C-alpha atoms as a PDB file:
ATOM      1  CA  MET A   1     -38.621   5.923   5.747  1.00  0.00           C
ATOM      2  CA  ASP A   2     -37.967   3.261   3.116  1.00  0.00           C
ATOM      3  CA  TRP A   3     -36.210   0.508   5.096  1.00  0.00           C
ATOM      4  CA  ASP A   4     -35.771  -1.735   2.063  1.00  0.00           C
ATOM      5  CA  LEU A   5     -33.868   0.982   0.238  1.00  0.00           C
ATOM      6  CA  LEU A   6     -31.762   1.718   3.309  1.00  0.00           C
ATOM      7  CA  SER A   7     -30.954  -1.941   4.003  1.00  0.00           C
ATOM      8  CA  GLY A   8     -30.139  -2.471   0.322  1.00  0.00           C
ATOM      9  CA  PHE A   9     -27.754   0.482   0.404  1.00  0.00           C
ATOM     10  CA  PHE A  10     -25.961  -0.797   3.517  1.00  0.00           C
ATOM     11  CA  SER A  11     -25.683  -4.349   2.244  1.00  0.00           C
ATOM     12  CA  MET A  12     -24.426  -3.139  -1.135  1.00  0.00           C
ATOM     13  CA  HIS A  13     -21.767  -0.988   0.500  1.00  0.00           C
ATOM     14  CA  LEU A  14     -20.925  -3.238   3.459  1.00  0.00           C
ATOM     15  CA  VAL A  15     -17.259  -3.469   2.471  1.00  0.00           C
ATOM     16  CA  THR A  16     -17.070   0.326   2.196  1.00  0.00           C
ATOM     17  CA  TRP A  17     -18.510   0.724   5.685  1.00  0.00           C
ATOM     18  CA  LEU A  18     -16.178  -1.915   7.103  1.00  0.00           C
ATOM     19  CA  LEU A  19     -13.177  -0.202   5.502  1.00  0.00           C
ATOM     20  CA  PHE A  20     -14.368   3.091   6.979  1.00  0.00           C
ATOM     21  CA  LEU A  21     -14.553   1.469  10.427  1.00  0.00           C
ATOM     22  CA  VAL A  22     -11.066  -0.009   9.942  1.00  0.00           C
ATOM     23  CA  MET A  23      -9.801   3.456   9.031  1.00  0.00           C
ATOM     24  CA  LEU A  24     -11.390   4.913  12.179  1.00  0.00           C
ATOM     25  CA  THR A  25      -9.931   2.106  14.286  1.00  0.00           C
ATOM     26  CA  ASN A  26      -6.478   2.766  12.872  1.00  0.00           C
ATOM     27  CA  TYR A  27      -6.959   6.483  13.526  1.00  0.00           C
ATOM     28  CA  VAL A  28      -7.804   5.799  17.174  1.00  0.00           C
ATOM     29  CA  ARG A  29      -4.714   3.603  17.433  1.00  0.00           C
ATOM     30  CA  THR A  30      -2.544   6.519  16.274  1.00  0.00           C
ATOM     31  CA  SER A  31      -3.855   8.727  19.053  1.00  0.00           C
ATOM     32  CA  LYS A  32      -3.019   6.434  21.973  1.00  0.00           C
ATOM     33  CA  VAL A  33      -1.078   8.477  24.485  1.00  0.00           C
ATOM     34  CA  TYR A  34       0.955   5.671  26.028  1.00  0.00           C
ATOM     35  CA  ALA A  35       2.446   4.436  22.731  1.00  0.00           C
ATOM     36  CA  THR A  36       6.083   5.104  21.882  1.00  0.00           C
ATOM     37  CA  CYS A  37       7.030   7.349  18.972  1.00  0.00           C
ATOM     38  CA  SER A  38       8.047   4.430  16.757  1.00  0.00           C
ATOM     39  CA  VAL A  39       4.765   2.617  17.419  1.00  0.00           C
ATOM     40  CA  LYS A  40       2.801   5.800  16.664  1.00  0.00           C
ATOM     41  CA  ALA A  41       4.716   6.281  13.404  1.00  0.00           C
ATOM     42  CA  GLU A  42       4.010   2.669  12.443  1.00  0.00           C
ATOM     43  CA  ARG A  43       0.321   3.083  13.233  1.00  0.00           C
ATOM     44  CA  LYS A  44       0.138   6.345  11.260  1.00  0.00           C
ATOM     45  CA  GLU A  45       1.486   4.578   8.182  1.00  0.00           C
ATOM     46  CA  VAL A  46      -1.155   1.839   8.473  1.00  0.00           C
ATOM     47  CA  PHE A  47      -3.800   4.535   9.031  1.00  0.00           C
ATOM     48  CA  LYS A  48      -2.648   6.357   5.892  1.00  0.00           C
ATOM     49  CA  LEU A  49      -2.957   3.150   3.869  1.00  0.00           C
ATOM     50  CA  SER A  50      -6.393   2.307   5.284  1.00  0.00           C
ATOM     51  CA  ALA A  51      -7.576   5.879   4.617  1.00  0.00           C
ATOM     52  CA  VAL A  52      -6.580   5.653   0.947  1.00  0.00           C
ATOM     53  CA  VAL A  53      -8.343   2.298   0.504  1.00  0.00           C
ATOM     54  CA  SER A  54     -11.446   3.510   2.353  1.00  0.00           C
ATOM     55  CA  CYS A  55     -11.643   6.673   0.233  1.00  0.00           C
ATOM     56  CA  SER A  56     -11.223   4.636  -2.929  1.00  0.00           C
ATOM     57  CA  TYR A  57     -14.147   2.401  -2.025  1.00  0.00           C
ATOM     58  CA  ALA A  58     -16.234   5.368  -0.817  1.00  0.00           C
ATOM     59  CA  LEU A  59     -15.828   7.109  -4.196  1.00  0.00           C
ATOM     60  CA  MET A  60     -18.144   4.527  -5.718  1.00  0.00           C
ATOM     61  CA  ILE A  61     -21.113   5.654  -3.586  1.00  0.00           C
ATOM     62  CA  PRO A  62     -21.630   9.068  -5.268  1.00  0.00           C
ATOM     63  CA  ILE A  63     -20.867   7.562  -8.674  1.00  0.00           C
ATOM     64  CA  GLU A  64     -23.620   4.962  -8.205  1.00  0.00           C
ATOM     65  CA  PHE A  65     -25.980   7.665  -6.921  1.00  0.00           C
ATOM     66  CA  LEU A  66     -25.402   9.850  -9.984  1.00  0.00           C
ATOM     67  CA  VAL A  67     -25.901   6.907 -12.328  1.00  0.00           C
ATOM     68  CA  ALA A  68     -29.187   6.016 -10.611  1.00  0.00           C
ATOM     69  CA  PHE A  69     -30.292   9.666 -10.427  1.00  0.00           C
ATOM     70  CA  PHE A  70     -29.758  10.326 -14.124  1.00  0.00           C
ATOM     71  CA  ASP A  71     -31.039   6.853 -15.059  1.00  0.00           C
ATOM     72  CA  PHE A  72     -27.868   6.184 -17.007  1.00  0.00           C
ATOM     73  CA  TYR A  73     -27.161   2.652 -18.152  1.00  0.00           C
ATOM     74  CA  SER A  74     -24.092   1.397 -19.883  1.00  0.00           C
ATOM     75  CA  ARG A  75     -22.715  -2.029 -20.502  1.00  0.00           C
ATOM     76  CA  TYR A  76     -19.481  -0.705 -19.011  1.00  0.00           C
ATOM     77  CA  PHE A  77     -21.016   0.173 -15.640  1.00  0.00           C
ATOM     78  CA  PRO A  78     -20.259  -0.681 -12.825  1.00  0.00           C
ATOM     79  CA  TYR A  79     -17.405  -3.138 -13.356  1.00  0.00           C
ATOM     80  CA  THR A  80     -15.271  -0.840 -15.494  1.00  0.00           C
ATOM     81  CA  VAL A  81     -15.579   1.873 -12.846  1.00  0.00           C
ATOM     82  CA  TYR A  82     -14.557  -0.602 -10.133  1.00  0.00           C
ATOM     83  CA  LEU A  83     -11.616  -1.673 -12.289  1.00  0.00           C
ATOM     84  CA  PHE A  84     -10.596   1.943 -12.880  1.00  0.00           C
ATOM     85  CA  LEU A  85     -10.824   2.819  -9.166  1.00  0.00           C
ATOM     86  CA  ASP A  86      -8.811  -0.267  -8.168  1.00  0.00           C
ATOM     87  CA  ILE A  87      -6.084   0.502 -10.702  1.00  0.00           C
ATOM     88  CA  CYS A  88      -5.932   4.166  -9.653  1.00  0.00           C
ATOM     89  CA  THR A  89      -5.709   3.115  -6.002  1.00  0.00           C
ATOM     90  CA  LEU A  90      -2.933   0.645  -6.806  1.00  0.00           C
ATOM     91  CA  LEU A  91      -0.972   3.289  -8.684  1.00  0.00           C
ATOM     92  CA  PHE A  92      -1.469   5.847  -5.931  1.00  0.00           C
ATOM     93  CA  ILE A  93      -0.420   3.440  -3.177  1.00  0.00           C
ATOM     94  CA  ASN A  94       2.630   2.157  -5.017  1.00  0.00           C
ATOM     95  CA  PHE A  95       3.935   5.473  -6.351  1.00  0.00           C
ATOM     96  CA  PHE A  96       2.930   8.105  -3.805  1.00  0.00           C
ATOM     97  CA  ILE A  97       2.760   6.400  -0.419  1.00  0.00           C
ATOM     98  CA  LYS A  98       6.159   5.665   1.067  1.00  0.00           C
ATOM     99  CA  LEU A  99       6.111   3.275   3.994  1.00  0.00           C
ATOM    100  CA  LYS A 100       8.988   2.379   6.292  1.00  0.00           C
ATOM    101  CA  SER A 101       7.605   0.159   9.029  1.00  0.00           C
ATOM    102  CA  GLU A 102       7.409  -3.589   8.635  1.00  0.00           C
ATOM    103  CA  LYS A 103       3.692  -3.776   9.483  1.00  0.00           C
ATOM    104  CA  ALA A 104       2.789  -1.034   7.016  1.00  0.00           C
ATOM    105  CA  VAL A 105       4.815  -2.698   4.250  1.00  0.00           C
ATOM    106  CA  LEU A 106       3.039  -5.986   5.023  1.00  0.00           C
ATOM    107  CA  CYS A 107      -0.346  -4.241   4.806  1.00  0.00           C
ATOM    108  CA  LYS A 108       0.695  -2.567   1.559  1.00  0.00           C
ATOM    109  CA  ARG A 109       1.693  -5.942   0.112  1.00  0.00           C
ATOM    110  CA  TYR A 110      -1.687  -7.451   0.983  1.00  0.00           C
ATOM    111  CA  VAL A 111      -3.638  -4.424  -0.272  1.00  0.00           C
ATOM    112  CA  THR A 112      -1.694  -4.583  -3.541  1.00  0.00           C
ATOM    113  CA  LEU A 113      -2.389  -8.316  -3.871  1.00  0.00           C
ATOM    114  CA  CYS A 114      -6.096  -7.964  -3.081  1.00  0.00           C
ATOM    115  CA  LEU A 115      -6.701  -4.961  -5.331  1.00  0.00           C
ATOM    116  CA  SER A 116      -4.769  -6.642  -8.162  1.00  0.00           C
ATOM    117  CA  CYS A 117      -6.844  -9.814  -7.872  1.00  0.00           C
ATOM    118  CA  ASN A 118     -10.050  -7.769  -7.727  1.00  0.00           C
ATOM    119  CA  SER A 119      -8.941  -5.843 -10.823  1.00  0.00           C
ATOM    120  CA  VAL A 120      -8.334  -9.056 -12.746  1.00  0.00           C
ATOM    121  CA  LEU A 121     -11.741 -10.388 -11.704  1.00  0.00           C
ATOM    122  CA  PHE A 122     -13.477  -7.124 -12.704  1.00  0.00           C
ATOM    123  CA  LEU A 123     -11.705  -7.143 -16.061  1.00  0.00           C
ATOM    124  CA  LEU A 124     -12.642 -10.758 -16.780  1.00  0.00           C
ATOM    125  CA  LEU A 125     -16.263 -10.174 -15.800  1.00  0.00           C
ATOM    126  CA  GLN A 126     -16.448  -7.042 -17.946  1.00  0.00           C
ATOM    127  CA  VAL A 127     -15.083  -8.974 -20.934  1.00  0.00           C
ATOM    128  CA  ASP A 128     -17.614 -11.729 -20.257  1.00  0.00           C
ATOM    129  CA  LEU A 129     -20.480  -9.219 -20.139  1.00  0.00           C
ATOM    130  CA  LEU A 130     -19.289  -7.543 -23.341  1.00  0.00           C
ATOM    131  CA  PHE A 131     -19.326 -10.937 -25.066  1.00  0.00           C
ATOM    132  CA  MET A 132     -22.917 -11.381 -23.898  1.00  0.00           C
ATOM    133  CA  HIS A 133     -24.007  -7.881 -24.959  1.00  0.00           C
ATOM    134  CA  ASN A 134     -22.507  -8.433 -28.418  1.00  0.00           C
ATOM    135  CA  ASN A 135     -24.224 -11.836 -28.725  1.00  0.00           C
ATOM    136  CA  PHE A 136     -21.015 -13.865 -28.820  1.00  0.00           C
ATOM    137  CA  LYS A 137     -22.379 -16.041 -26.035  1.00  0.00           C
ATOM    138  CA  PRO A 138     -25.782 -16.523 -24.404  1.00  0.00           C
ATOM    139  CA  PHE A 139     -26.791 -14.272 -21.518  1.00  0.00           C
ATOM    140  CA  GLU A 140     -26.931 -16.854 -18.746  1.00  0.00           C
ATOM    141  CA  ALA A 141     -25.198 -17.415 -15.437  1.00  0.00           C
ATOM    142  CA  TRP A 142     -22.232 -19.752 -15.352  1.00  0.00           C
ATOM    143  CA  TRP A 143     -19.545 -20.850 -12.865  1.00  0.00           C
ATOM    144  CA  PHE A 144     -17.306 -17.800 -13.378  1.00  0.00           C
ATOM    145  CA  TRP A 145     -19.926 -15.509 -11.867  1.00  0.00           C
ATOM    146  CA  ASP A 146     -19.772 -17.540  -8.655  1.00  0.00           C
ATOM    147  CA  VAL A 147     -15.961 -17.430  -8.722  1.00  0.00           C
ATOM    148  CA  PHE A 148     -16.164 -13.666  -9.240  1.00  0.00           C
ATOM    149  CA  THR A 149     -18.571 -13.132  -6.339  1.00  0.00           C
ATOM    150  CA  ILE A 150     -16.651 -15.330  -3.918  1.00  0.00           C
ATOM    151  CA  GLY A 151     -13.274 -14.022  -5.082  1.00  0.00           C
ATOM    152  CA  VAL A 152     -14.081 -10.315  -4.781  1.00  0.00           C
ATOM    153  CA  ASN A 153     -15.665 -10.779  -1.356  1.00  0.00           C
ATOM    154  CA  PHE A 154     -12.751 -12.957  -0.190  1.00  0.00           C
ATOM    155  CA  PHE A 155     -10.140 -10.412  -1.251  1.00  0.00           C
ATOM    156  CA  ASP A 156     -12.125  -7.520   0.234  1.00  0.00           C
ATOM    157  CA  GLY A 157     -12.459  -9.425   3.510  1.00  0.00           C
ATOM    158  CA  LEU A 158      -8.769 -10.307   3.469  1.00  0.00           C
ATOM    159  CA  MET A 159      -7.861  -6.660   2.939  1.00  0.00           C
ATOM    160  CA  ILE A 160     -10.092  -5.603   5.840  1.00  0.00           C
ATOM    161  CA  LEU A 161      -8.637  -8.294   8.110  1.00  0.00           C
ATOM    162  CA  VAL A 162      -5.031  -7.394   7.325  1.00  0.00           C
ATOM    163  CA  LEU A 163      -5.572  -3.633   7.681  1.00  0.00           C
ATOM    164  CA  LEU A 164      -7.234  -4.262  11.036  1.00  0.00           C
ATOM    165  CA  SER A 165      -4.809  -6.834  12.461  1.00  0.00           C
ATOM    166  CA  CYS A 166      -1.557  -5.939  10.622  1.00  0.00           C
ATOM    167  CA  ARG A 167      -0.689  -9.637  10.490  1.00  0.00           C
ATOM    168  CA  ASP A 168       0.470 -11.977   7.749  1.00  0.00           C
ATOM    169  CA  VAL A 169      -2.726 -14.063   7.671  1.00  0.00           C
ATOM    170  CA  LEU A 170      -1.813 -16.079   4.554  1.00  0.00           C
ATOM    171  CA  PHE A 171       1.805 -16.571   5.679  1.00  0.00           C
ATOM    172  CA  MET A 172       3.106 -14.952   2.499  1.00  0.00           C
ATOM    173  CA  ARG A 173       6.379 -13.985   4.176  1.00  0.00           C
ATOM    174  CA  GLU A 174       7.069 -17.572   5.290  1.00  0.00           C
ATOM    175  CA  PHE A 175       6.233 -18.822   1.800  1.00  0.00           C
ATOM    176  CA  GLU A 176       8.570 -16.246   0.272  1.00  0.00           C
ATOM    177  CA  LEU A 177      11.388 -17.272   2.631  1.00  0.00           C
ATOM    178  CA  HIS A 178      10.758 -20.942   1.843  1.00  0.00           C
ATOM    179  CA  VAL A 179      10.925 -20.313  -1.917  1.00  0.00           C
ATOM    180  CA  LEU A 180      14.101 -18.247  -1.546  1.00  0.00           C
ATOM    181  CA  ALA A 181      15.711 -20.952   0.599  1.00  0.00           C
ATOM    182  CA  ARG A 182      14.905 -23.626  -1.999  1.00  0.00           C
ATOM    183  CA  ARG A 183      16.236 -21.419  -4.787  1.00  0.00           C
ATOM    184  CA  ASN A 184      19.444 -20.741  -2.891  1.00  0.00           C
ATOM    185  CA  ALA A 185      19.830 -24.456  -2.168  1.00  0.00           C
ATOM    186  CA  LYS A 186      19.461 -25.252  -5.882  1.00  0.00           C
ATOM    187  CA  LEU A 187      22.022 -22.582  -6.748  1.00  0.00           C
ATOM    188  CA  ARG A 188      24.493 -24.058  -4.240  1.00  0.00           C
ATOM    189  CA  ILE A 189      23.990 -27.557  -5.656  1.00  0.00           C
ATOM    190  CA  SER A 190      24.578 -26.398  -9.229  1.00  0.00           C
ATOM    191  CA  ASP A 191      27.828 -24.608  -8.221  1.00  0.00           C
END
């Protein structure tokens, strides 16, 4: 057995495996017998959201296998595919998944934020690579590649953490309430 190939596969798809484990954890939470009906409904909504995100990330595994199997190379692979999958997941979550519970809406907000930020980073990196392939700039590493790597991993980790804990880890709700309170105070002063 080729352990290097296997360890490379697992490290490359670590986020996919973690999202799969989060989905399984949320599934187990939906099957707890002693939970009330409202808690089960809330947990099912979070499970549905984590299942969609996990499936979206898992779709990249067969795509990468087919590309490697057919020895296909393109300057648009893999970042354009990641961008396309993130945008499709965002559209699917925002148009087809209706959530009612507060925790599920919070998770949806974080997933939307994280996938949007990842999409922007994938788009910017793809544009950067196209500039390099068309000789508009030299093919060398620069600070944006580090920002891309840290940013994508941060947002993936944040998404995993929020789907697992169902908590507002960045205090976005408090920030939103603070901004609304300041805006309302300014409106009262101007009246």
